[in-house]
PDB file of N, CA and C in Angstrom:
ATOM      1  N   MET A   1     -51.651-151.073 -90.812  1.00  0.00           N
ATOM      2  CA  MET A   1     -50.838-150.583 -89.229  1.00  0.00           C
ATOM      3  C   MET A   1     -50.949-148.680 -89.266  1.00  0.00           C
ATOM      4  N   SER A   2     -51.811-148.156 -88.978  1.00  0.00           N
ATOM      5  CA  SER A   2     -51.244-146.846 -89.156  1.00  0.00           C
ATOM      6  C   SER A   2     -50.856-145.774 -88.912  1.00  0.00           C
ATOM      7  N   PHE A   3     -50.429-144.915 -90.059  1.00  0.00           N
ATOM      8  CA  PHE A   3     -49.309-144.314 -88.975  1.00  0.00           C
ATOM      9  C   PHE A   3     -48.932-143.468 -87.639  1.00  0.00           C
ATOM     10  N   GLU A   4     -50.412-142.997 -86.631  1.00  0.00           N
ATOM     11  CA  GLU A   4     -49.579-142.977 -84.889  1.00  0.00           C
ATOM     12  C   GLU A   4     -48.732-144.523 -85.103  1.00  0.00           C
ATOM     13  N   TYR A   5     -49.922-144.753 -85.083  1.00  0.00           N
ATOM     14  CA  TYR A   5     -49.556-146.219 -84.189  1.00  0.00           C
ATOM     15  C   TYR A   5     -48.083-146.955 -84.617  1.00  0.00           C
ATOM     16  N   PHE A   6     -47.134-146.698 -86.125  1.00  0.00           N
ATOM     17  CA  PHE A   6     -45.769-146.935 -86.691  1.00  0.00           C
ATOM     18  C   PHE A   6     -44.752-145.484 -85.316  1.00  0.00           C
ATOM     19  N   ILE A   7     -45.209-144.348 -85.563  1.00  0.00           N
ATOM     20  CA  ILE A   7     -44.670-143.560 -85.019  1.00  0.00           C
ATOM     21  C   ILE A   7     -44.362-143.123 -83.611  1.00  0.00           C
ATOM     22  N   GLY A   8     -45.327-143.997 -82.942  1.00  0.00           N
ATOM     23  CA  GLY A   8     -45.675-144.367 -81.085  1.00  0.00           C
ATOM     24  C   GLY A   8     -44.496-145.431 -81.400  1.00  0.00           C
ATOM     25  N   ARG A   9     -45.211-146.673 -81.689  1.00  0.00           N
ATOM     26  CA  ARG A   9     -44.321-147.656 -81.329  1.00  0.00           C
ATOM     27  C   ARG A   9     -43.058-147.107 -81.424  1.00  0.00           C
ATOM     28  N   ARG A  10     -42.704-145.919 -83.017  1.00  0.00           N
ATOM     29  CA  ARG A  10     -41.176-146.573 -83.421  1.00  0.00           C
ATOM     30  C   ARG A  10     -40.220-145.327 -82.171  1.00  0.00           C
ATOM     31  N   TYR A  11     -41.641-145.087 -80.836  1.00  0.00           N
ATOM     32  CA  TYR A  11     -40.560-143.618 -80.198  1.00  0.00           C
ATOM     33  C   TYR A  11     -40.149-144.040 -79.565  1.00  0.00           C
ATOM     34  N   LEU A  12     -41.208-145.103 -79.133  1.00  0.00           N
ATOM     35  CA  LEU A  12     -41.328-146.001 -77.288  1.00  0.00           C
ATOM     36  C   LEU A  12     -40.139-147.161 -77.168  1.00  0.00           C
ATOM     37  N   ARG A  13     -39.776-147.632 -78.192  1.00  0.00           N
ATOM     38  CA  ARG A  13     -39.477-148.738 -78.584  1.00  0.00           C
ATOM     39  C   ARG A  13     -37.963-148.593 -78.586  1.00  0.00           C
ATOM     40  N   ALA A  14     -37.339-149.693 -77.887  1.00  0.00           N
ATOM     41  CA  ALA A  14     -35.800-148.560 -78.025  1.00  0.00           C
ATOM     42  C   ALA A  14     -34.990-149.691 -78.087  1.00  0.00           C
ATOM     43  N   LYS A  15     -34.333-149.885 -78.618  1.00  0.00           N
ATOM     44  CA  LYS A  15     -33.471-150.381 -79.538  1.00  0.00           C
ATOM     45  C   LYS A  15     -32.405-150.913 -77.745  1.00  0.00           C
ATOM     46  N   ARG A  16     -31.126-152.493 -77.962  1.00  0.00           N
ATOM     47  CA  ARG A  16     -31.532-152.817 -76.715  1.00  0.00           C
ATOM     48  C   ARG A  16     -29.552-152.247 -76.307  1.00  0.00           C
ATOM     49  N   LYS A  17     -29.395-151.017 -77.433  1.00  0.00           N
ATOM     50  CA  LYS A  17     -28.117-149.561 -76.774  1.00  0.00           C
ATOM     51  C   LYS A  17     -28.381-148.511 -75.048  1.00  0.00           C
ATOM     52  N   GLN A  18     -30.285-148.443 -75.992  1.00  0.00           N
ATOM     53  CA  GLN A  18     -31.037-147.202 -75.345  1.00  0.00           C
ATOM     54  C   GLN A  18     -32.421-147.199 -74.098  1.00  0.00           C
ATOM     55  N   ALA A  19     -31.931-148.486 -73.805  1.00  0.00           N
ATOM     56  CA  ALA A  19     -32.737-149.007 -72.567  1.00  0.00           C
ATOM     57  C   ALA A  19     -33.406-147.935 -71.194  1.00  0.00           C
ATOM     58  N   PHE A  20     -32.158-147.579 -71.328  1.00  0.00           N
ATOM     59  CA  PHE A  20     -32.242-146.312 -70.351  1.00  0.00           C
ATOM     60  C   PHE A  20     -33.391-145.172 -71.157  1.00  0.00           C
ATOM     61  N   ILE A  21     -32.794-144.647 -71.708  1.00  0.00           N
ATOM     62  CA  ILE A  21     -33.932-144.050 -72.878  1.00  0.00           C
ATOM     63  C   ILE A  21     -35.432-144.349 -72.815  1.00  0.00           C
ATOM     64  N   SER A  22     -35.271-145.619 -73.099  1.00  0.00           N
ATOM     65  CA  SER A  22     -37.137-145.705 -73.481  1.00  0.00           C
ATOM     66  C   SER A  22     -37.609-146.060 -72.035  1.00  0.00           C
ATOM     67  N   LEU A  23     -37.198-146.180 -69.939  1.00  0.00           N
ATOM     68  CA  LEU A  23     -37.269-146.066 -69.520  1.00  0.00           C
ATOM     69  C   LEU A  23     -37.714-144.059 -69.115  1.00  0.00           C
ATOM     70  N   ILE A  24     -36.714-143.649 -69.280  1.00  0.00           N
ATOM     71  CA  ILE A  24     -37.261-142.118 -68.705  1.00  0.00           C
ATOM     72  C   ILE A  24     -38.015-141.593 -70.148  1.00  0.00           C
ATOM     73  N   THR A  25     -38.631-142.472 -71.682  1.00  0.00           N
ATOM     74  CA  THR A  25     -40.473-142.707 -71.790  1.00  0.00           C
ATOM     75  C   THR A  25     -41.146-142.878 -71.557  1.00  0.00           C
ATOM     76  N   VAL A  26     -40.680-144.105 -70.749  1.00  0.00           N
ATOM     77  CA  VAL A  26     -42.153-144.673 -70.206  1.00  0.00           C
ATOM     78  C   VAL A  26     -42.475-143.956 -68.796  1.00  0.00           C
ATOM     79  N   LEU A  27     -41.560-143.083 -68.006  1.00  0.00           N
ATOM     80  CA  LEU A  27     -42.382-142.666 -66.991  1.00  0.00           C
ATOM     81  C   LEU A  27     -42.303-141.274 -67.160  1.00  0.00           C
ATOM     82  N   SER A  28     -41.990-140.870 -68.319  1.00  0.00           N
ATOM     83  CA  SER A  28     -42.235-138.678 -68.841  1.00  0.00           C
ATOM     84  C   SER A  28     -44.149-139.368 -68.729  1.00  0.00           C
ATOM     85  N   THR A  29     -44.123-139.353 -69.606  1.00  0.00           N
ATOM     86  CA  THR A  29     -45.616-140.095 -70.363  1.00  0.00           C
ATOM     87  C   THR A  29     -46.547-140.851 -69.636  1.00  0.00           C
ATOM     88  N   ALA A  30     -46.345-141.898 -68.368  1.00  0.00           N
ATOM     89  CA  ALA A  30     -46.926-142.265 -68.071  1.00  0.00           C
ATOM     90  C   ALA A  30     -46.621-140.494 -66.576  1.00  0.00           C
ATOM     91  N   GLY A  31     -45.938-140.219 -66.048  1.00  0.00           N
ATOM     92  CA  GLY A  31     -45.929-138.782 -64.973  1.00  0.00           C
ATOM     93  C   GLY A  31     -47.269-137.640 -66.234  1.00  0.00           C
ATOM     94  N   ILE A  32     -47.192-137.691 -66.963  1.00  0.00           N
ATOM     95  CA  ILE A  32     -48.025-136.688 -67.334  1.00  0.00           C
ATOM     96  C   ILE A  32     -49.869-137.311 -68.440  1.00  0.00           C
ATOM     97  N   ALA A  33     -49.619-138.472 -67.286  1.00  0.00           N
ATOM     98  CA  ALA A  33     -50.659-139.083 -67.729  1.00  0.00           C
ATOM     99  C   ALA A  33     -51.742-138.993 -66.078  1.00  0.00           C
ATOM    100  N   VAL A  34     -50.601-139.194 -65.834  1.00  0.00           N
ATOM    101  CA  VAL A  34     -51.215-139.218 -63.546  1.00  0.00           C
ATOM    102  C   VAL A  34     -50.984-137.993 -63.081  1.00  0.00           C
ATOM    103  N   GLY A  35     -51.044-136.477 -63.729  1.00  0.00           N
ATOM    104  CA  GLY A  35     -50.983-135.020 -63.879  1.00  0.00           C
ATOM    105  C   GLY A  35     -52.673-134.576 -64.836  1.00  0.00           C
ATOM    106  N   VAL A  36     -52.255-135.455 -65.564  1.00  0.00           N
ATOM    107  CA  VAL A  36     -53.984-134.878 -66.151  1.00  0.00           C
ATOM    108  C   VAL A  36     -54.608-134.764 -65.928  1.00  0.00           C
ATOM    109  N   MET A  37     -54.863-136.992 -65.595  1.00  0.00           N
ATOM    110  CA  MET A  37     -55.892-137.563 -64.103  1.00  0.00           C
ATOM    111  C   MET A  37     -56.150-136.340 -63.204  1.00  0.00           C
ATOM    112  N   ALA A  38     -55.184-135.937 -62.552  1.00  0.00           N
ATOM    113  CA  ALA A  38     -55.924-135.355 -61.266  1.00  0.00           C
ATOM    114  C   ALA A  38     -55.785-134.153 -61.601  1.00  0.00           C
ATOM    115  N   LEU A  39     -56.067-133.290 -62.535  1.00  0.00           N
ATOM    116  CA  LEU A  39     -56.421-132.308 -63.410  1.00  0.00           C
ATOM    117  C   LEU A  39     -57.827-132.119 -63.720  1.00  0.00           C
ATOM    118  N   ILE A  40     -58.001-133.547 -64.626  1.00  0.00           N
ATOM    119  CA  ILE A  40     -58.820-134.223 -64.568  1.00  0.00           C
ATOM    120  C   ILE A  40     -60.337-133.840 -63.570  1.00  0.00           C
ATOM    121  N   VAL A  41     -59.921-134.221 -62.347  1.00  0.00           N
ATOM    122  CA  VAL A  41     -60.448-134.755 -61.360  1.00  0.00           C
ATOM    123  C   VAL A  41     -60.310-133.878 -60.392  1.00  0.00           C
ATOM    124  N   VAL A  42     -59.583-133.339 -59.920  1.00  0.00           N
ATOM    125  CA  VAL A  42     -60.251-130.983 -59.359  1.00  0.00           C
ATOM    126  C   VAL A  42     -60.903-130.496 -60.865  1.00  0.00           C
ATOM    127  N   ILE A  43     -60.905-130.297 -61.531  1.00  0.00           N
ATOM    128  CA  ILE A  43     -61.608-129.727 -62.414  1.00  0.00           C
ATOM    129  C   ILE A  43     -63.561-130.185 -62.827  1.00  0.00           C
ATOM    130  N   ALA A  44     -63.419-131.402 -62.323  1.00  0.00           N
ATOM    131  CA  ALA A  44     -64.642-131.891 -61.846  1.00  0.00           C
ATOM    132  C   ALA A  44     -65.547-131.153 -60.629  1.00  0.00           C
ATOM    133  N   VAL A  45     -63.826-131.323 -59.777  1.00  0.00           N
ATOM    134  CA  VAL A  45     -64.999-131.313 -57.982  1.00  0.00           C
ATOM    135  C   VAL A  45     -64.840-130.188 -57.959  1.00  0.00           C
ATOM    136  N   MET A  46     -64.378-129.259 -58.511  1.00  0.00           N
ATOM    137  CA  MET A  46     -64.313-127.099 -58.168  1.00  0.00           C
ATOM    138  C   MET A  46     -65.784-126.781 -58.843  1.00  0.00           C
ATOM    139  N   SER A  47     -65.604-127.543 -59.903  1.00  0.00           N
ATOM    140  CA  SER A  47     -67.341-127.115 -60.845  1.00  0.00           C
ATOM    141  C   SER A  47     -68.328-127.986 -59.708  1.00  0.00           C
ATOM    142  N   GLY A  48     -68.552-128.641 -59.711  1.00  0.00           N
ATOM    143  CA  GLY A  48     -69.604-129.523 -58.319  1.00  0.00           C
ATOM    144  C   GLY A  48     -69.387-128.617 -57.214  1.00  0.00           C
ATOM    145  N   PHE A  49     -68.303-128.349 -56.509  1.00  0.00           N
ATOM    146  CA  PHE A  49     -68.916-126.241 -55.254  1.00  0.00           C
ATOM    147  C   PHE A  49     -69.087-126.056 -55.733  1.00  0.00           C
ATOM    148  N   GLU A  50     -68.820-124.974 -56.789  1.00  0.00           N
ATOM    149  CA  GLU A  50     -69.218-123.865 -57.445  1.00  0.00           C
ATOM    150  C   GLU A  50     -70.581-123.811 -57.624  1.00  0.00           C
ATOM    151  N   SER A  51     -71.156-124.748 -57.711  1.00  0.00           N
ATOM    152  CA  SER A  51     -72.761-125.021 -58.349  1.00  0.00           C
ATOM    153  C   SER A  51     -73.420-124.686 -57.318  1.00  0.00           C
ATOM    154  N   ASP A  52     -73.275-125.705 -55.916  1.00  0.00           N
ATOM    155  CA  ASP A  52     -73.530-126.504 -54.686  1.00  0.00           C
ATOM    156  C   ASP A  52     -73.617-124.495 -54.693  1.00  0.00           C
ATOM    157  N   LEU A  53     -72.297-123.658 -54.288  1.00  0.00           N
ATOM    158  CA  LEU A  53     -71.758-122.334 -53.441  1.00  0.00           C
ATOM    159  C   LEU A  53     -72.680-121.642 -54.172  1.00  0.00           C
ATOM    160  N   LYS A  54     -72.876-121.386 -55.512  1.00  0.00           N
ATOM    161  CA  LYS A  54     -74.028-120.889 -56.183  1.00  0.00           C
ATOM    162  C   LYS A  54     -75.222-121.172 -55.322  1.00  0.00           C
ATOM    163  N   SER A  55     -76.177-122.215 -55.445  1.00  0.00           N
ATOM    164  CA  SER A  55     -77.428-122.637 -55.293  1.00  0.00           C
ATOM    165  C   SER A  55     -76.830-122.371 -53.238  1.00  0.00           C
ATOM    166  N   ARG A  56     -76.349-122.079 -52.797  1.00  0.00           N
ATOM    167  CA  ARG A  56     -76.794-121.733 -51.062  1.00  0.00           C
ATOM    168  C   ARG A  56     -76.484-120.682 -50.980  1.00  0.00           C
ATOM    169  N   ILE A  57     -75.616-119.718 -51.508  1.00  0.00           N
ATOM    170  CA  ILE A  57     -75.086-118.067 -51.856  1.00  0.00           C
ATOM    171  C   ILE A  57     -77.901-117.956 -52.290  1.00  0.00           C
ATOM    172  N   LEU A  58     -77.761-118.043 -53.299  1.00  0.00           N
ATOM    173  CA  LEU A  58     -79.235-117.483 -54.342  1.00  0.00           C
ATOM    174  C   LEU A  58     -80.700-118.379 -53.178  1.00  0.00           C
ATOM    175  N   GLY A  59     -80.187-119.749 -52.686  1.00  0.00           N
ATOM    176  CA  GLY A  59     -81.292-119.522 -51.586  1.00  0.00           C
ATOM    177  C   GLY A  59     -81.799-119.418 -50.140  1.00  0.00           C
ATOM    178  N   GLY A  60     -80.477-118.560 -49.997  1.00  0.00           N
ATOM    179  CA  GLY A  60     -80.355-117.826 -49.024  1.00  0.00           C
ATOM    180  C   GLY A  60     -81.564-116.200 -49.428  1.00  0.00           C
ATOM    181  N   GLN A  61     -81.066-115.622 -49.815  1.00  0.00           N
ATOM    182  CA  GLN A  61     -81.194-114.267 -50.249  1.00  0.00           C
ATOM    183  C   GLN A  61     -82.537-114.404 -51.430  1.00  0.00           C
ATOM    184  N   SER A  62     -82.866-113.511 -51.307  1.00  0.00           N
ATOM    185  CA  SER A  62     -84.089-113.536 -52.939  1.00  0.00           C
ATOM    186  C   SER A  62     -83.327-112.928 -53.845  1.00  0.00           C
ATOM    187  N   HIS A  63     -83.742-113.287 -55.075  1.00  0.00           N
ATOM    188  CA  HIS A  63     -84.315-112.502 -56.397  1.00  0.00           C
ATOM    189  C   HIS A  63     -84.481-111.118 -56.548  1.00  0.00           C
ATOM    190  N   ILE A  64     -85.522-111.271 -55.772  1.00  0.00           N
ATOM    191  CA  ILE A  64     -86.611-109.922 -56.553  1.00  0.00           C
ATOM    192  C   ILE A  64     -86.523-109.508 -54.574  1.00  0.00           C
ATOM    193  N   VAL A  65     -86.652-107.885 -54.690  1.00  0.00           N
ATOM    194  CA  VAL A  65     -87.523-107.969 -53.289  1.00  0.00           C
ATOM    195  C   VAL A  65     -87.781-106.411 -53.878  1.00  0.00           C
ATOM    196  N   VAL A  66     -89.610-106.813 -53.587  1.00  0.00           N
ATOM    197  CA  VAL A  66     -90.387-105.210 -53.233  1.00  0.00           C
ATOM    198  C   VAL A  66     -90.845-104.682 -51.953  1.00  0.00           C
ATOM    199  N   MET A  67     -89.832-103.095 -52.774  1.00  0.00           N
ATOM    200  CA  MET A  67     -90.228-102.447 -50.820  1.00  0.00           C
ATOM    201  C   MET A  67     -90.765-101.598 -51.527  1.00  0.00           C
ATOM    202  N   ARG A  68     -91.882-101.063 -50.860  1.00  0.00           N
ATOM    203  CA  ARG A  68     -91.650 -99.659 -50.815  1.00  0.00           C
ATOM    204  C   ARG A  68     -91.251 -98.803 -49.506  1.00  0.00           C
ATOM    205  N   HIS A  69     -90.727 -97.895 -50.100  1.00  0.00           N
ATOM    206  CA  HIS A  69     -90.572 -96.851 -49.017  1.00  0.00           C
ATOM    207  C   HIS A  69     -91.422 -96.031 -48.376  1.00  0.00           C
ATOM    208  N   GLY A  70     -91.670 -95.519 -47.072  1.00  0.00           N
ATOM    209  CA  GLY A  70     -92.510 -94.147 -47.096  1.00  0.00           C
ATOM    210  C   GLY A  70     -92.995 -95.458 -45.558  1.00  0.00           C
ATOM    211  N   GLY A  71     -93.000 -96.308 -45.770  1.00  0.00           N
ATOM    212  CA  GLY A  71     -94.142 -96.725 -45.075  1.00  0.00           C
ATOM    213  C   GLY A  71     -93.805 -98.196 -45.075  1.00  0.00           C
ATOM    214  N   PRO A  72     -95.244 -99.026 -44.423  1.00  0.00           N
ATOM    215  CA  PRO A  72     -94.262-100.390 -44.148  1.00  0.00           C
ATOM    216  C   PRO A  72     -96.146-100.899 -45.645  1.00  0.00           C
ATOM    217  N   PHE A  73     -96.216-101.413 -46.495  1.00  0.00           N
ATOM    218  CA  PHE A  73     -97.147-102.744 -46.348  1.00  0.00           C
ATOM    219  C   PHE A  73     -98.604-103.008 -46.412  1.00  0.00           C
ATOM    220  N   SER A  74     -99.446-102.362 -46.283  1.00  0.00           N
ATOM    221  CA  SER A  74    -100.677-101.809 -46.333  1.00  0.00           C
ATOM    222  C   SER A  74    -102.081-103.544 -46.482  1.00  0.00           C
ATOM    223  N   GLU A  75    -101.476-103.469 -48.087  1.00  0.00           N
ATOM    224  CA  GLU A  75    -102.063-105.249 -48.136  1.00  0.00           C
ATOM    225  C   GLU A  75    -101.322-105.939 -49.194  1.00  0.00           C
ATOM    226  N   TYR A  76     -99.884-106.142 -48.438  1.00  0.00           N
ATOM    227  CA  TYR A  76     -99.791-107.230 -49.178  1.00  0.00           C
ATOM    228  C   TYR A  76     -99.026-108.541 -49.252  1.00  0.00           C
ATOM    229  N   ARG A  77    -100.238-109.561 -49.183  1.00  0.00           N
ATOM    230  CA  ARG A  77    -100.733-109.926 -48.924  1.00  0.00           C
ATOM    231  C   ARG A  77    -101.811-109.919 -50.365  1.00  0.00           C
ATOM    232  N   LYS A  78    -102.707-109.142 -50.401  1.00  0.00           N
ATOM    233  CA  LYS A  78    -102.303-109.529 -51.877  1.00  0.00           C
ATOM    234  C   LYS A  78    -100.884-109.162 -53.227  1.00  0.00           C
ATOM    235  N   ILE A  79    -100.120-108.149 -52.298  1.00  0.00           N
ATOM    236  CA  ILE A  79     -99.005-108.480 -53.752  1.00  0.00           C
ATOM    237  C   ILE A  79     -98.244-109.610 -53.841  1.00  0.00           C
ATOM    238  N   ILE A  80     -98.687-110.251 -52.855  1.00  0.00           N
ATOM    239  CA  ILE A  80     -97.613-110.703 -53.022  1.00  0.00           C
ATOM    240  C   ILE A  80     -98.701-112.410 -53.766  1.00  0.00           C
ATOM    241  N   LYS A  81    -100.040-112.802 -53.478  1.00  0.00           N
ATOM    242  CA  LYS A  81    -100.769-113.463 -54.238  1.00  0.00           C
ATOM    243  C   LYS A  81    -100.739-112.943 -56.536  1.00  0.00           C
ATOM    244  N   ASP A  82    -100.825-111.342 -55.830  1.00  0.00           N
ATOM    245  CA  ASP A  82     -99.423-111.262 -57.444  1.00  0.00           C
ATOM    246  C   ASP A  82     -98.520-111.181 -58.410  1.00  0.00           C
ATOM    247  N   VAL A  83     -98.136-111.072 -57.285  1.00  0.00           N
ATOM    248  CA  VAL A  83     -96.603-111.680 -57.914  1.00  0.00           C
ATOM    249  C   VAL A  83     -95.662-113.512 -57.881  1.00  0.00           C
ATOM    250  N   GLU A  84     -96.835-114.394 -57.014  1.00  0.00           N
ATOM    251  CA  GLU A  84     -96.713-115.826 -57.558  1.00  0.00           C
ATOM    252  C   GLU A  84     -97.525-116.354 -58.727  1.00  0.00           C
ATOM    253  N   LYS A  85     -98.472-114.706 -59.424  1.00  0.00           N
ATOM    254  CA  LYS A  85     -99.526-115.070 -61.351  1.00  0.00           C
ATOM    255  C   LYS A  85     -98.068-115.572 -61.778  1.00  0.00           C
ATOM    256  N   ILE A  86     -96.837-114.876 -61.564  1.00  0.00           N
ATOM    257  CA  ILE A  86     -96.311-113.882 -62.369  1.00  0.00           C
ATOM    258  C   ILE A  86     -95.739-115.390 -63.408  1.00  0.00           C
ATOM    259  N   ASP A  87     -94.914-115.998 -64.200  1.00  0.00           N
ATOM    260  CA  ASP A  87     -94.360-116.651 -65.094  1.00  0.00           C
ATOM    261  C   ASP A  87     -92.891-116.982 -64.634  1.00  0.00           C
ATOM    262  N   GLY A  88     -92.642-118.580 -64.271  1.00  0.00           N
ATOM    263  CA  GLY A  88     -91.102-118.499 -63.364  1.00  0.00           C
ATOM    264  C   GLY A  88     -91.019-117.821 -61.753  1.00  0.00           C
ATOM    265  N   VAL A  89     -91.964-117.314 -60.704  1.00  0.00           N
ATOM    266  CA  VAL A  89     -91.841-117.761 -60.373  1.00  0.00           C
ATOM    267  C   VAL A  89     -92.247-118.797 -59.388  1.00  0.00           C
ATOM    268  N   LYS A  90     -91.196-119.039 -58.372  1.00  0.00           N
ATOM    269  CA  LYS A  90     -91.488-119.780 -57.118  1.00  0.00           C
ATOM    270  C   LYS A  90     -92.528-120.108 -56.210  1.00  0.00           C
ATOM    271  N   SER A  91     -91.698-118.739 -55.362  1.00  0.00           N
ATOM    272  CA  SER A  91     -93.313-118.251 -54.296  1.00  0.00           C
ATOM    273  C   SER A  91     -92.651-117.284 -53.960  1.00  0.00           C
ATOM    274  N   ALA A  92     -92.867-116.433 -52.926  1.00  0.00           N
ATOM    275  CA  ALA A  92     -92.756-115.265 -52.745  1.00  0.00           C
ATOM    276  C   ALA A  92     -93.135-115.553 -51.047  1.00  0.00           C
ATOM    277  N   THR A  93     -92.273-114.168 -50.374  1.00  0.00           N
ATOM    278  CA  THR A  93     -92.667-114.027 -49.693  1.00  0.00           C
ATOM    279  C   THR A  93     -93.022-113.082 -49.062  1.00  0.00           C
ATOM    280  N   PRO A  94     -92.943-112.646 -47.693  1.00  0.00           N
ATOM    281  CA  PRO A  94     -93.405-111.563 -46.554  1.00  0.00           C
ATOM    282  C   PRO A  94     -92.291-111.400 -46.207  1.00  0.00           C
ATOM    283  N   VAL A  95     -91.130-110.099 -45.843  1.00  0.00           N
ATOM    284  CA  VAL A  95     -89.772-109.782 -44.791  1.00  0.00           C
ATOM    285  C   VAL A  95     -89.731-108.909 -44.144  1.00  0.00           C
ATOM    286  N   ILE A  96     -89.447-108.722 -42.656  1.00  0.00           N
ATOM    287  CA  ILE A  96     -89.219-107.238 -42.303  1.00  0.00           C
ATOM    288  C   ILE A  96     -87.484-107.033 -42.462  1.00  0.00           C
ATOM    289  N   TYR A  97     -87.621-105.924 -42.977  1.00  0.00           N
ATOM    290  CA  TYR A  97     -86.134-105.830 -43.711  1.00  0.00           C
ATOM    291  C   TYR A  97     -86.414-104.007 -42.631  1.00  0.00           C
ATOM    292  N   THR A  98     -85.461-104.009 -41.741  1.00  0.00           N
ATOM    293  CA  THR A  98     -85.707-102.926 -41.321  1.00  0.00           C
ATOM    294  C   THR A  98     -83.659-103.101 -40.436  1.00  0.00           C
ATOM    295  N   GLN A  99     -83.719-101.284 -39.672  1.00  0.00           N
ATOM    296  CA  GLN A  99     -82.443-101.435 -39.321  1.00  0.00           C
ATOM    297  C   GLN A  99     -81.970-101.764 -37.855  1.00  0.00           C
ATOM    298  N   VAL A 100     -81.024-101.807 -37.179  1.00  0.00           N
ATOM    299  CA  VAL A 100     -81.400-102.490 -36.161  1.00  0.00           C
ATOM    300  C   VAL A 100     -80.688-102.458 -35.721  1.00  0.00           C
ATOM    301  N   MET A 101     -80.842-101.186 -33.695  1.00  0.00           N
ATOM    302  CA  MET A 101     -79.100-100.680 -33.271  1.00  0.00           C
ATOM    303  C   MET A 101     -78.490-100.181 -34.047  1.00  0.00           C
TER     304      MET A 101
END
């Protein structure tokens, strides 16, 4: 019998006079176990929610914006081809970026 098992059994089992204390010990241990399980579930759910939220935010916005100040790009197709040749670039898309109203 290991030392840890001996100590655990000694404090969880009660003598005949102290049956109520044993009940309190079991209920306290069960309450802590349920609390830890709930905490693990909440952390797992929030971690999944955080990664989903990041992917939605980054999916709607570009990581890099190439702009020309003072006028539009005249050869934007050539610039898109050059950008797509860079390692790690998944896609490049032309966008109209202007002030409205």
